[in-house]
């Protein structure tokens, strides 16, 4: 969502000119690191999803054509799907790009939109942080108790560990989203996509 000429937060252009947006070499380096890190996670989520599709195909061939029911492949597919989903959660959180009902949001003035962005971002930080903490508890229990997957071939923590990681990165994404919004930057997904196309 664009928030130009905002009397409270200021426009993104003003933020860059007066220094509130953190302009300079250090800011540019941090922006590149931010972009590359979440871009890498996005690529990783897509690659894992493709790998999951191939794993499903491989499993069907083994089971139906060769009569080799390798049960651990079902667990592998399940874990790959979980990894793909939670990496996607992390990537979408960076620019608050999760599915929302924005009928009321679109009717708000720029200041109201930015206030709502900050409120949603703070809620995202709390929820993602809480989920990351709970997920780490599940992962640690699986490690210490030597739990395995349903097939007993794979360690259960390999499927659980993405939960604290994914939600932890999601919390980081929301922190960056809120900080950027408070500095007067348009952190919306639409603005981010426009920047990529420029």
Protein backbone atom coordinates (compact mmCIF):
# COMPACT_ATOMS: atom_id res chain seq x y z
CA UNK A 1 0.00 0.00 0.00
CA UNK A 2 1.35 3.43 -0.86
CA UNK A 3 1.59 5.99 1.96
CA UNK A 4 2.85 9.10 0.21
CA UNK A 5 2.48 12.64 1.63
CA UNK A 6 1.67 11.37 5.09
CA UNK A 7 1.49 14.31 7.56
CA UNK A 8 2.41 12.14 10.55
CA UNK A 9 5.00 9.69 9.26
CA UNK A 10 6.18 11.65 6.25
CA UNK A 11 6.65 10.30 2.76
CA UNK A 12 9.25 7.73 1.87
CA UNK A 13 10.99 10.33 -0.28
CA UNK A 14 11.21 12.77 2.65
CA UNK A 15 12.59 10.01 4.85
CA UNK A 16 15.37 9.38 2.38
CA UNK A 17 16.18 13.13 2.04
CA UNK A 18 16.23 14.05 5.72
CA UNK A 19 18.05 10.92 6.89
CA UNK A 20 15.21 9.36 8.83
CA UNK A 21 15.14 6.51 6.33
CA UNK A 22 18.72 5.68 7.23
CA UNK A 23 20.27 6.65 3.87
CA UNK A 24 23.94 6.07 3.15
CA UNK A 25 26.30 3.20 2.41
CA UNK A 26 25.47 1.35 5.63
CA UNK A 27 21.74 1.56 4.93
CA UNK A 28 22.27 0.37 1.35
CA UNK A 29 24.36 -2.57 2.59
CA UNK A 30 21.68 -3.54 5.13
CA UNK A 31 19.00 -3.29 2.45
CA UNK A 32 21.00 -5.59 0.18
CA UNK A 33 21.51 -8.07 3.03
CA UNK A 34 17.79 -7.95 3.82
CA UNK A 35 16.87 -8.46 0.17
CA UNK A 36 19.34 -11.30 -0.38
CA UNK A 37 18.45 -13.14 2.82
CA UNK A 38 14.70 -13.18 2.23
CA UNK A 39 15.26 -13.75 -1.48
CA UNK A 40 17.35 -16.80 -0.61
CA UNK A 41 14.59 -18.12 1.65
CA UNK A 42 12.07 -17.58 -1.13
CA UNK A 43 14.24 -19.53 -3.57
CA UNK A 44 14.80 -22.24 -0.98
CA UNK A 45 11.05 -22.61 -0.38
CA UNK A 46 10.43 -22.96 -4.12
CA UNK A 47 13.27 -25.48 -4.50
CA UNK A 48 11.98 -27.59 -1.60
CA UNK A 49 8.48 -27.54 -3.10
CA UNK A 50 9.85 -28.77 -6.44
CA UNK A 51 11.86 -31.43 -4.63
CA UNK A 52 8.67 -32.50 -2.85
CA UNK A 53 6.89 -32.93 -6.20
CA UNK A 54 9.73 -35.11 -7.49
CA UNK A 55 9.70 -37.10 -4.24
CA UNK A 56 5.98 -37.78 -4.66
CA UNK A 57 6.56 -38.90 -8.26
CA UNK A 58 9.47 -41.11 -7.15
CA UNK A 59 7.34 -42.65 -4.39
CA UNK A 60 4.51 -43.48 -6.79
CA UNK A 61 6.92 -45.09 -9.27
CA UNK A 62 8.52 -47.18 -6.53
CA UNK A 63 5.19 -48.29 -5.11
CA UNK A 64 3.09 -48.84 -8.20
CA UNK A 65 5.59 -49.76 -10.92
CA UNK A 66 8.36 -51.51 -9.00
CA UNK A 67 6.36 -52.75 -6.01
CA UNK A 68 8.90 -51.24 -3.60
CA UNK A 69 6.91 -49.48 -0.85
CA UNK A 70 9.65 -47.44 0.82
CA UNK A 71 7.63 -46.09 3.74
CA UNK A 72 10.21 -43.47 4.69
CA UNK A 73 9.51 -41.57 1.47
CA UNK A 74 6.05 -40.65 2.80
CA UNK A 75 7.71 -39.02 5.80
CA UNK A 76 10.17 -37.26 3.53
CA UNK A 77 7.36 -35.80 1.43
CA UNK A 78 5.53 -34.71 4.58
CA UNK A 79 8.63 -33.00 6.00
CA UNK A 80 9.41 -31.28 2.68
CA UNK A 81 5.88 -29.89 2.55
CA UNK A 82 6.20 -28.57 6.10
CA UNK A 83 9.55 -26.94 5.28
CA UNK A 84 8.15 -25.32 2.15
CA UNK A 85 5.13 -23.93 4.00
CA UNK A 86 7.02 -22.45 6.96
CA UNK A 87 9.71 -20.92 4.76
CA UNK A 88 6.87 -19.31 2.82
CA UNK A 89 5.42 -17.97 6.07
CA UNK A 90 8.77 -16.34 6.84
CA UNK A 91 9.13 -14.76 3.40
CA UNK A 92 5.58 -13.38 3.28
CA UNK A 93 5.94 -11.83 6.73
CA UNK A 94 8.74 -9.51 5.58
CA UNK A 95 6.30 -7.27 3.69
CA UNK A 96 3.11 -8.25 5.55
CA UNK A 97 1.98 -10.10 2.43
CA UNK A 98 -0.18 -12.78 4.07
CA UNK A 99 -3.80 -13.07 3.00
CA UNK A 100 -5.86 -10.32 4.61
CA UNK A 101 -9.32 -8.80 4.44
CA UNK A 102 -8.52 -5.19 3.56
CA UNK A 103 -11.95 -3.71 2.78
CA UNK A 104 -11.70 -1.34 5.76
CA UNK A 105 -7.94 -0.81 5.39
CA UNK A 106 -8.30 0.51 1.83
CA UNK A 107 -10.76 3.19 3.00
CA UNK A 108 -8.36 4.60 5.60
CA UNK A 109 -6.24 7.72 5.00
CA UNK A 110 -2.45 7.24 4.66
CA UNK A 111 -1.88 7.92 8.37
CA UNK A 112 -4.52 5.38 9.36
CA UNK A 113 -2.98 2.80 7.03
CA UNK A 114 0.44 3.24 8.57
CA UNK A 115 -0.96 2.98 12.08
CA UNK A 116 -2.72 -0.24 11.10
CA UNK A 117 0.49 -1.53 9.48
CA UNK A 118 2.37 -0.98 12.73
CA UNK A 119 -0.41 -2.60 14.81
CA UNK A 120 -0.55 -5.64 12.52
CA UNK A 121 3.23 -5.83 12.48
CA UNK A 122 3.45 -5.79 16.28
CA UNK A 123 0.76 -8.48 16.47
CA UNK A 124 2.75 -10.51 13.95
CA UNK A 125 5.91 -10.18 16.05
CA UNK A 126 4.08 -11.43 19.15
CA UNK A 127 2.31 -14.33 17.42
CA UNK A 128 5.33 -15.46 15.40
CA UNK A 129 7.62 -15.14 18.42
CA UNK A 130 5.24 -17.20 20.55
CA UNK A 131 4.94 -19.87 17.85
CA UNK A 132 8.73 -19.98 17.49
CA UNK A 133 9.13 -20.52 21.22
CA UNK A 134 6.55 -23.31 21.28
CA UNK A 135 8.08 -24.85 18.17
CA UNK A 136 11.51 -24.90 19.75
CA UNK A 137 10.04 -26.72 22.76
CA UNK A 138 8.65 -29.39 20.42
CA UNK A 139 11.96 -29.66 18.61
CA UNK A 140 14.02 -29.95 21.78
CA UNK A 141 11.69 -32.62 23.15
CA UNK A 142 12.04 -34.60 19.92
CA UNK A 143 15.84 -34.33 20.13
CA UNK A 144 16.20 -35.27 23.79
CA UNK A 145 13.68 -38.12 23.60
CA UNK A 146 15.09 -39.43 20.30
CA UNK A 147 11.69 -39.34 18.64
CA UNK A 148 11.35 -40.62 15.09
CA UNK A 149 8.90 -40.12 12.24
CA UNK A 150 5.95 -42.44 11.66
CA UNK A 151 8.10 -44.76 9.58
CA UNK A 152 10.79 -44.73 12.33
CA UNK A 153 13.43 -44.04 9.65
CA UNK A 154 13.76 -40.27 10.03
CA UNK A 155 14.44 -38.29 13.23
CA UNK A 156 11.33 -36.30 14.12
CA UNK A 157 13.29 -33.12 14.87
CA UNK A 158 14.11 -32.72 11.16
CA UNK A 159 10.45 -31.99 10.58
CA UNK A 160 9.95 -29.92 13.74
CA UNK A 161 13.00 -27.65 13.54
CA UNK A 162 11.55 -25.61 10.68
CA UNK A 163 8.76 -24.42 12.99
CA UNK A 164 10.96 -22.34 15.33
CA UNK A 165 13.17 -21.31 12.41
CA UNK A 166 10.30 -20.30 10.14
CA UNK A 167 8.38 -18.40 12.81
CA UNK A 168 11.61 -16.90 14.18
CA UNK A 169 12.45 -15.47 10.78
CA UNK A 170 8.82 -14.39 10.40
CA UNK A 171 9.14 -12.42 13.65
CA UNK A 172 12.32 -10.83 12.27
CA UNK A 173 10.47 -10.00 9.06
CA UNK A 174 7.71 -8.27 11.02
CA UNK A 175 10.30 -6.33 13.05
CA UNK A 176 11.87 -5.04 9.82
CA UNK A 177 8.41 -4.27 8.44
CA UNK A 178 7.46 -2.22 11.51
CA UNK A 179 10.80 -0.38 11.63
CA UNK A 180 10.58 0.48 7.95
CA UNK A 181 7.02 1.72 8.34
CA UNK A 182 7.97 3.89 11.34
CA UNK A 183 10.83 5.39 9.29
CA UNK A 184 8.33 6.44 6.65
CA UNK A 185 9.09 3.76 4.08
CA UNK A 186 6.40 1.99 2.10
CA UNK A 187 7.06 -1.60 3.20
CA UNK A 188 4.07 -3.11 1.43
CA UNK A 189 4.45 -6.04 -0.92
CA UNK A 190 3.21 -3.90 -3.83
CA UNK A 191 5.95 -1.31 -3.23
CA UNK A 192 8.54 -4.06 -2.87
CA UNK A 193 7.50 -5.58 -6.19
CA UNK A 194 7.72 -2.18 -7.89
CA UNK A 195 11.26 -1.75 -6.57
CA UNK A 196 12.26 -5.14 -7.98
CA UNK A 197 10.95 -4.16 -11.41
CA UNK A 198 12.78 -0.82 -11.50
